[in-house]
Protein backbone atom coordinates (compact mmCIF):
# COMPACT_ATOMS: atom_id res chain seq x y z
CA MET A 1 6.71 8.66 -31.38
CA GLN A 2 5.60 7.49 -27.97
CA ASN A 3 6.72 4.09 -26.76
CA THR A 4 4.30 1.18 -26.52
CA TYR A 5 4.71 -1.25 -23.65
CA ARG A 6 3.76 -4.91 -23.87
CA VAL A 7 2.12 -6.18 -20.68
CA GLY A 8 1.90 -9.74 -19.38
CA VAL A 9 -0.96 -10.17 -16.89
CA VAL A 10 -0.70 -12.76 -14.11
CA GLY A 11 -3.64 -13.68 -11.89
CA ARG A 12 -4.55 -16.50 -9.52
CA THR A 13 -8.19 -17.47 -9.68
CA GLY A 14 -9.40 -18.48 -6.22
CA LYS A 15 -6.24 -17.08 -4.62
CA GLY A 16 -6.65 -13.35 -4.84
CA ASN A 17 -7.91 -13.42 -8.44
CA TYR A 18 -6.95 -10.24 -10.32
CA GLY A 19 -6.96 -7.78 -7.45
CA HIS A 20 -8.87 -4.55 -7.81
CA GLY A 21 -9.32 -4.72 -11.59
CA LEU A 22 -5.60 -4.72 -12.17
CA ASP A 23 -5.88 -6.98 -15.22
CA VAL A 24 -8.08 -4.64 -17.27
CA ALA A 25 -6.52 -1.40 -15.96
CA TRP A 26 -3.94 -1.48 -18.77
CA MET A 27 -6.68 -1.14 -21.39
CA ASP A 28 -7.22 2.47 -20.32
CA GLU A 29 -3.62 3.51 -21.14
CA ALA A 30 -2.90 4.03 -24.85
CA ARG A 31 0.80 3.24 -24.39
CA THR A 32 0.21 -0.26 -23.02
CA THR A 33 -0.99 -3.41 -24.78
CA ILE A 34 -1.85 -6.64 -23.00
CA VAL A 35 -0.17 -9.45 -24.93
CA ALA A 36 -0.90 -12.48 -22.74
CA VAL A 37 -2.50 -13.73 -19.54
CA ALA A 38 -1.26 -16.40 -17.13
CA ASP A 39 -3.31 -18.21 -14.47
CA ASP A 40 -2.97 -21.77 -13.15
CA ASP A 41 -6.77 -22.15 -13.14
CA LYS A 42 -8.05 -23.02 -16.64
CA VAL A 43 -11.56 -21.58 -16.15
CA GLY A 44 -10.24 -18.37 -14.62
CA LEU A 45 -7.61 -18.10 -17.33
CA ALA A 46 -10.21 -18.27 -20.09
CA ALA A 47 -12.35 -15.62 -18.39
CA ALA A 48 -9.39 -13.30 -17.89
CA ALA A 49 -8.27 -13.69 -21.50
CA LYS A 50 -11.76 -12.71 -22.65
CA ARG A 51 -11.80 -9.66 -20.36
CA CYS A 52 -8.38 -8.58 -21.61
CA GLY A 53 -9.10 -9.32 -25.27
CA VAL A 54 -6.11 -11.64 -25.82
CA ASP A 55 -5.69 -15.14 -27.21
CA LYS A 56 -2.25 -15.90 -25.75
CA THR A 57 -2.83 -17.79 -22.50
CA TYR A 58 -0.51 -19.68 -20.15
CA LEU A 59 -0.94 -21.89 -17.12
CA ASP A 60 2.69 -21.13 -16.17
CA TYR A 61 3.62 -17.46 -15.88
CA ARG A 62 7.32 -18.22 -16.35
CA GLN A 63 6.56 -19.69 -19.76
CA MET A 64 4.61 -16.54 -20.59
CA LEU A 65 7.59 -14.36 -19.60
CA ASP A 66 10.03 -16.44 -21.64
CA GLU A 67 7.91 -16.70 -24.78
CA GLN A 68 6.17 -13.32 -24.87
CA LYS A 69 8.97 -11.25 -23.28
CA PRO A 70 6.68 -8.46 -22.06
CA ASP A 71 8.05 -5.10 -21.00
CA ILE A 72 5.89 -5.06 -17.87
CA MET A 73 4.53 -7.86 -15.70
CA ALA A 74 1.25 -7.10 -13.91
CA ILE A 75 1.07 -9.18 -10.72
CA CYS A 76 -2.62 -8.94 -9.99
CA SER A 77 -3.46 -11.34 -7.17
CA ARG A 78 -4.34 -9.92 -3.75
CA TRP A 79 -2.79 -13.00 -2.11
CA ILE A 80 0.86 -12.32 -1.47
CA ASP A 81 2.32 -15.78 -0.91
CA SER A 82 3.47 -15.87 -4.55
CA HIS A 83 4.31 -12.16 -4.95
CA PHE A 84 8.01 -12.65 -4.26
CA GLU A 85 8.62 -15.54 -6.65
CA MET A 86 6.59 -13.83 -9.40
CA ALA A 87 8.38 -10.50 -8.99
CA MET A 88 11.78 -12.19 -8.87
CA ALA A 89 10.99 -14.08 -12.07
CA ALA A 90 10.29 -10.73 -13.75
CA ALA A 91 13.26 -8.91 -12.22
CA GLU A 92 15.72 -11.65 -13.23
CA ARG A 93 14.50 -11.27 -16.82
CA GLY A 94 14.76 -7.46 -16.75
CA ILE A 95 10.98 -7.02 -16.90
CA HIS A 96 9.37 -4.08 -15.09
CA ILE A 97 6.68 -4.80 -12.50
CA TYR A 98 3.39 -3.43 -11.28
CA MET A 99 1.83 -5.38 -8.43
CA GLU A 100 -1.20 -5.44 -6.21
CA LYS A 101 -0.66 -4.65 -2.55
CA PRO A 102 0.49 -5.85 -0.04
CA PHE A 103 4.11 -6.14 -1.12
CA VAL A 104 5.83 -9.41 -0.09
CA PRO A 105 5.54 -11.46 3.14
CA THR A 106 8.99 -10.85 4.71
CA LEU A 107 11.79 -8.33 4.84
CA ILE A 108 14.29 -10.97 3.72
CA GLU A 109 12.30 -11.33 0.49
CA ALA A 110 11.92 -7.56 0.17
CA ASP A 111 15.68 -7.07 0.47
CA LYS A 112 16.38 -9.71 -2.18
CA LEU A 113 13.84 -8.17 -4.54
CA VAL A 114 15.22 -4.65 -4.07
CA ASP A 115 18.70 -5.97 -4.89
CA ALA A 116 17.48 -7.85 -7.98
CA CYS A 117 15.59 -4.81 -9.31
CA GLU A 118 18.56 -2.53 -8.75
CA ARG A 119 20.95 -4.89 -10.51
CA ARG A 120 18.72 -5.20 -13.58
CA HIS A 121 17.45 -1.58 -13.53
CA VAL A 122 13.88 -2.85 -13.14
CA ARG A 123 11.21 -0.37 -12.05
CA LEU A 124 8.46 -1.55 -9.73
CA GLY A 125 5.20 0.14 -8.83
CA ILE A 126 2.73 -1.04 -6.20
CA GLY A 127 -1.03 -0.56 -6.00
CA HIS A 128 -1.32 2.14 -3.34
CA PRO A 129 -3.58 4.55 -5.30
CA THR A 130 -3.39 7.39 -2.77
CA ARG A 131 0.37 7.70 -3.32
CA TYR A 132 -0.25 8.81 -6.90
CA SER A 133 -3.14 11.18 -6.15
CA PRO A 134 -2.59 14.86 -6.98
CA LEU A 135 -4.37 15.60 -3.71
CA LEU A 136 -1.24 14.54 -1.82
CA LYS A 137 0.55 17.55 -3.30
CA THR A 138 -2.32 19.75 -2.13
CA ILE A 139 -2.09 18.37 1.42
CA LYS A 140 1.67 18.87 1.52
CA GLU A 141 1.23 22.46 0.37
CA MET A 142 -1.42 23.08 3.04
CA ILE A 143 0.90 21.74 5.75
CA ALA A 144 3.89 23.73 4.43
CA ALA A 145 1.77 26.91 4.32
CA GLY A 146 0.85 26.46 7.97
CA GLN A 147 -2.87 26.02 7.38
CA ILE A 148 -3.09 23.54 10.25
CA GLY A 149 -0.34 25.29 12.21
CA ARG A 150 2.53 23.27 13.60
CA LEU A 151 2.29 19.59 12.62
CA LEU A 152 1.82 17.54 15.80
CA GLU A 153 0.69 14.01 15.02
CA LEU A 154 -0.79 11.64 12.46
CA ARG A 155 -3.42 9.02 13.29
CA GLY A 156 -4.36 6.13 11.04
CA ARG A 157 -6.83 3.28 11.45
CA GLY A 158 -7.82 0.25 9.43
CA LYS A 159 -11.33 -0.85 8.55
CA GLU A 160 -11.65 -2.72 11.87
CA ASP A 161 -14.11 -5.27 10.53
CA ARG A 162 -13.79 -9.05 11.02
CA ARG A 163 -10.17 -8.66 9.89
CA GLY A 164 -9.43 -6.13 12.62
CA GLY A 165 -6.09 -6.41 14.38
CA ALA A 166 -3.09 -8.01 12.73
CA GLU A 167 -4.86 -8.94 9.47
CA ASP A 168 -6.15 -5.37 9.12
CA LEU A 169 -2.61 -4.10 9.74
CA TRP A 170 -1.53 -6.00 6.64
CA VAL A 171 -4.48 -5.68 4.27
CA LEU A 172 -5.56 -2.06 4.86
CA GLY A 173 -2.71 -0.92 7.06
CA THR A 174 -0.37 -1.12 4.07
CA HIS A 175 -2.30 1.81 2.54
CA VAL A 176 -2.11 3.79 5.79
CA MET A 177 1.61 3.12 6.19
CA ASP A 178 2.17 4.38 2.66
CA MET A 179 0.21 7.56 3.46
CA LEU A 180 2.37 8.06 6.57
CA LEU A 181 5.53 7.64 4.51
CA ALA A 182 4.31 10.03 1.83
CA LEU A 183 3.33 12.78 4.26
CA GLY A 184 5.53 12.21 7.30
CA GLY A 185 8.68 10.57 6.00
CA LYS A 186 10.38 7.39 7.17
CA PRO A 187 9.90 6.65 10.87
CA LEU A 188 12.87 6.41 13.23
CA TRP A 189 11.37 3.94 15.71
CA CYS A 190 8.24 1.95 16.51
CA SER A 191 6.64 1.04 19.82
CA ALA A 192 3.72 -1.37 19.58
CA GLU A 193 1.71 -4.08 21.22
CA LEU A 194 -0.57 -6.82 19.94
CA LEU A 195 -3.48 -8.00 22.06
CA GLN A 196 -5.80 -11.00 21.93
CA GLU A 197 -9.04 -10.55 23.84
CA GLY A 198 -7.42 -7.79 25.87
CA ARG A 199 -4.19 -9.59 26.86
CA PRO A 200 -0.76 -9.51 25.20
CA ILE A 201 -0.35 -12.16 22.54
CA THR A 202 1.69 -15.28 23.25
CA PRO A 203 3.13 -17.98 20.94
CA ASP A 204 -0.15 -19.90 21.38
CA ASP A 205 -1.99 -17.06 19.59
CA VAL A 206 0.10 -17.25 16.40
CA TYR A 207 -1.70 -18.63 13.36
CA LYS A 208 -1.32 -18.77 9.59
CA GLY A 209 -3.13 -15.78 8.14
CA ASN A 210 -5.58 -15.49 5.27
CA GLU A 211 -4.61 -14.50 1.73
CA GLY A 212 -1.06 -15.81 2.04
CA LEU A 213 -0.15 -13.22 4.67
CA GLY A 214 1.97 -15.63 6.66
CA LEU A 215 2.06 -15.67 10.46
CA LEU A 216 -0.39 -13.43 12.33
CA ALA A 217 -1.49 -12.89 15.92
CA GLY A 218 -3.75 -10.45 17.70
CA ASP A 219 -7.25 -9.04 17.35
CA GLN A 220 -6.02 -5.60 18.40
CA VAL A 221 -3.03 -3.54 17.24
CA ARG A 222 -1.72 -0.40 18.92
CA ALA A 223 1.35 1.10 17.28
CA MET A 224 3.25 4.37 17.65
CA TYR A 225 5.98 5.64 15.35
CA GLY A 226 8.55 8.35 15.92
CA MET A 227 8.63 10.39 12.73
CA PRO A 228 11.21 12.94 11.59
CA ASN A 229 11.03 16.45 13.10
CA GLY A 230 9.50 15.17 16.34
CA VAL A 231 6.08 14.26 14.93
CA THR A 232 4.35 11.15 16.32
CA ALA A 233 2.29 8.79 14.17
CA TYR A 234 -0.18 6.16 15.30
CA PHE A 235 -1.90 3.15 13.77
CA ALA A 236 -4.60 1.18 15.53
CA SER A 237 -7.10 -1.53 14.65
CA THR A 238 -9.54 -3.55 16.75
CA ARG A 239 -11.52 -6.48 15.38
CA ASN A 240 -15.27 -5.90 14.93
CA ALA A 241 -15.02 -2.27 16.02
CA ASN A 242 -15.90 -0.84 12.61
CA ALA A 243 -18.23 2.11 12.17
CA ASN A 244 -20.40 3.53 9.40
CA PRO A 245 -18.98 5.71 7.91
CA SER A 246 -15.66 3.97 8.39
CA ARG A 247 -12.73 5.48 10.31
CA TYR A 248 -10.35 3.90 7.78
CA GLY A 249 -7.86 6.51 6.64
CA LEU A 250 -5.49 9.08 8.10
CA GLN A 251 -6.00 12.24 10.14
CA ILE A 252 -3.26 14.86 10.30
CA PHE A 253 -3.37 17.03 13.43
CA GLY A 254 -1.78 20.45 13.78
CA SER A 255 -1.83 23.21 16.37
CA ARG A 256 -4.49 25.09 14.37
CA GLY A 257 -6.48 22.42 12.59
CA VAL A 258 -6.94 18.95 11.14
CA ILE A 259 -6.76 17.39 7.67
CA GLU A 260 -8.55 14.09 7.03
CA LEU A 261 -7.40 11.87 4.16
CA LEU A 262 -9.22 8.74 3.02
CA GLU A 263 -7.82 6.16 0.57
CA GLY A 264 -8.13 6.19 -3.22
CA THR A 265 -7.04 7.87 -6.45
CA MET A 266 -9.06 11.02 -5.74
CA PRO A 267 -10.00 10.39 -2.12
CA SER A 268 -12.13 12.48 0.16
CA VAL A 269 -9.98 15.15 1.81
CA LYS A 270 -11.45 17.42 4.46
CA PHE A 271 -10.11 20.35 6.47
CA LEU A 272 -11.10 21.57 9.92
CA GLY A 273 -9.66 24.96 10.81
CA ASP A 274 -9.95 24.41 14.54
CA GLY A 275 -7.08 24.14 16.99
CA SER A 276 -9.28 22.42 19.57
CA TRP A 277 -10.02 19.64 17.02
CA SER A 278 -13.66 19.82 18.10
CA PRO A 279 -16.18 21.51 15.79
CA GLY A 280 -18.82 21.18 18.49
CA ARG A 281 -16.82 23.48 20.75
CA SER A 282 -15.49 25.97 18.23
CA GLY A 283 -18.34 26.19 15.75
CA GLU A 284 -15.96 25.55 12.87
CA GLN A 285 -17.10 23.02 10.28
CA TRP A 286 -15.33 20.43 8.15
CA GLN A 287 -14.74 21.65 4.59
CA ASP A 288 -14.02 19.68 1.45
CA VAL A 289 -10.58 20.07 -0.13
CA SER A 290 -9.84 19.77 -3.85
CA THR A 291 -6.67 20.29 -5.84
CA ALA A 292 -7.92 23.87 -6.33
CA GLY A 293 -8.09 24.50 -2.59
CA ILE A 294 -10.38 24.46 0.44
CA GLY A 295 -14.06 24.66 -0.47
CA GLU A 296 -13.32 24.72 -4.23
CA ALA A 297 -14.78 22.40 -6.86
CA GLU A 298 -12.42 19.74 -8.16
CA PRO A 299 -11.07 20.81 -11.59
CA LEU A 300 -9.41 17.48 -12.43
CA LYS A 301 -11.80 15.26 -14.36
CA GLY A 302 -11.61 12.25 -16.62
CA LYS A 303 -10.55 8.62 -16.57
CA PRO A 304 -7.13 8.94 -14.88
CA TYR A 305 -8.81 10.47 -11.83
CA GLN A 306 -11.63 7.94 -11.73
CA ALA A 307 -9.67 4.71 -12.28
CA ARG A 308 -7.87 2.99 -9.42
CA HIS A 309 -4.59 2.18 -11.16
CA LEU A 310 -4.23 4.49 -14.15
CA LEU A 311 -2.22 7.26 -12.48
CA ALA A 312 0.07 4.59 -11.02
CA ILE A 313 0.55 2.99 -14.43
CA GLN A 314 1.37 6.36 -15.98
CA GLU A 315 3.87 7.06 -13.20
CA LEU A 316 5.52 3.66 -13.74
CA ILE A 317 5.90 4.41 -17.46
CA ALA A 318 7.44 7.80 -16.62
CA ALA A 319 9.88 6.12 -14.22
CA ILE A 320 10.87 3.60 -16.91
CA GLU A 321 11.41 6.29 -19.54
CA GLN A 322 13.27 8.63 -17.18
CA ASN A 323 15.32 5.79 -15.65
CA ARG A 324 14.32 6.64 -12.10
CA ASP A 325 12.40 5.10 -9.21
CA SER A 326 8.63 5.40 -9.23
CA ILE A 327 7.17 7.64 -6.52
CA GLY A 328 5.28 4.56 -5.36
CA GLY A 329 8.19 2.29 -6.03
CA ILE A 330 10.06 -0.57 -4.48
CA GLU A 331 11.79 1.45 -1.75
CA SER A 332 8.51 2.83 -0.41
CA ALA A 333 6.98 -0.65 -0.67
CA ARG A 334 9.79 -2.04 1.49
CA ASP A 335 9.54 0.88 3.93
CA GLY A 336 5.81 0.20 4.39
CA LEU A 337 6.45 -3.49 4.95
CA GLU A 338 9.11 -2.58 7.52
CA MET A 339 6.58 -0.46 9.41
CA ILE A 340 4.23 -3.46 9.54
CA MET A 341 6.97 -5.84 10.67
CA ALA A 342 8.11 -3.32 13.28
CA VAL A 343 4.77 -3.77 15.05
CA PHE A 344 5.45 -7.50 15.49
CA GLU A 345 9.10 -6.92 16.36
CA SER A 346 8.37 -4.28 19.01
CA HIS A 347 5.82 -6.56 20.66
CA ARG A 348 8.24 -9.50 20.47
CA GLN A 349 10.99 -7.53 22.20
CA GLY A 350 8.64 -5.75 24.59
CA LYS A 351 10.16 -2.36 23.85
CA PRO A 352 10.52 0.29 21.11
CA VAL A 353 12.66 -0.81 18.18
CA PRO A 354 14.74 1.43 15.90
CA LEU A 355 14.13 1.54 12.16
CA PRO A 356 15.45 0.15 9.86
CA LEU A 357 14.96 -3.16 11.68
CA GLU A 358 18.05 -5.18 12.48
CA ASN A 359 16.00 -8.39 12.44
CA ARG A 360 14.91 -9.21 8.88
CA ARG A 361 13.12 -12.46 9.77
CA HIS A 362 9.41 -12.53 10.55
CA PRO A 363 9.23 -11.71 14.30
CA LEU A 364 6.50 -14.28 14.94
CA GLU A 365 8.94 -17.00 13.87
CA LEU A 366 11.09 -16.02 16.86
CA GLU A 367 10.65 -16.11 20.62
CA ILE A 368 8.17 -13.61 22.05
CA ARG A 369 9.66 -12.16 25.20
CA GLY A 370 7.22 -12.21 28.08
């Protein structure tokens, strides 16, 4: 008989709410049952309970954990200022965790949470849908087969809307960093700068960010990472420089072609078999890629491939049952956070910084070297 997992849902109405439908996502998996909802806003709590079809409601999530003793805690809010304390409350009780991105605000908190989860054998998954997409396997196979030739560089950008710059680095950059980790491995170093109106940021530019992000600075981010095997990766974002269609996503450049990957459970993936990277010059055209191959119709259909979180939930269950880390688990969540923090740390020091970072504090709390 298959196991059934009891889920406690935690949201924060007015402070990130329930993320990208993370409260109701569990209703699509037959092995999970929502047993209770917690929210410190009474109106939002009642609405969430109705959506989730439960009558057990709590204004205090700790009380919910103690009384209901769920197997999994769903941390749904997009705001991250409470992510650490919520996840620690679950980890200390031996409860597995699935949480909305971004991860937690600082590396000090990330380190403590990794330690707590390891000690209690708690599995954690994070809402980076692309990490769980079967199309990642397809892309890896294309690269390994040499379809874009020798891998040269990876280029990612955020949405570059009003949040462009440091906020974009956090909110959308977390997805791009996770794509870089999945396809390029853990970086060895980071060299970056943060600009405000074209000049390097100073302590006067530091402000408290939206959505509980903590300290931010800069309306432009330019970051370079040294990846394993000599490959270079880039992330950039400039405020109010967005385009339609958006540049948000990752492009993978090789000596014989390019692969473009957007974000999502079954994202758009395109291939350009052109070593000049310019279809206007070569006459080559972009082609759609499916799990069946270049130019083939996508054979994978159904709810898991349409929903944002279902493949991630299924992977978390597999990790729990097999007593292993999730492929989108706590280590990759910390690695992505470290890549974000490395941008601030490299700018603070005015030079490239090796990874893992020696400094675990938020760099904007410290002196920015001029």
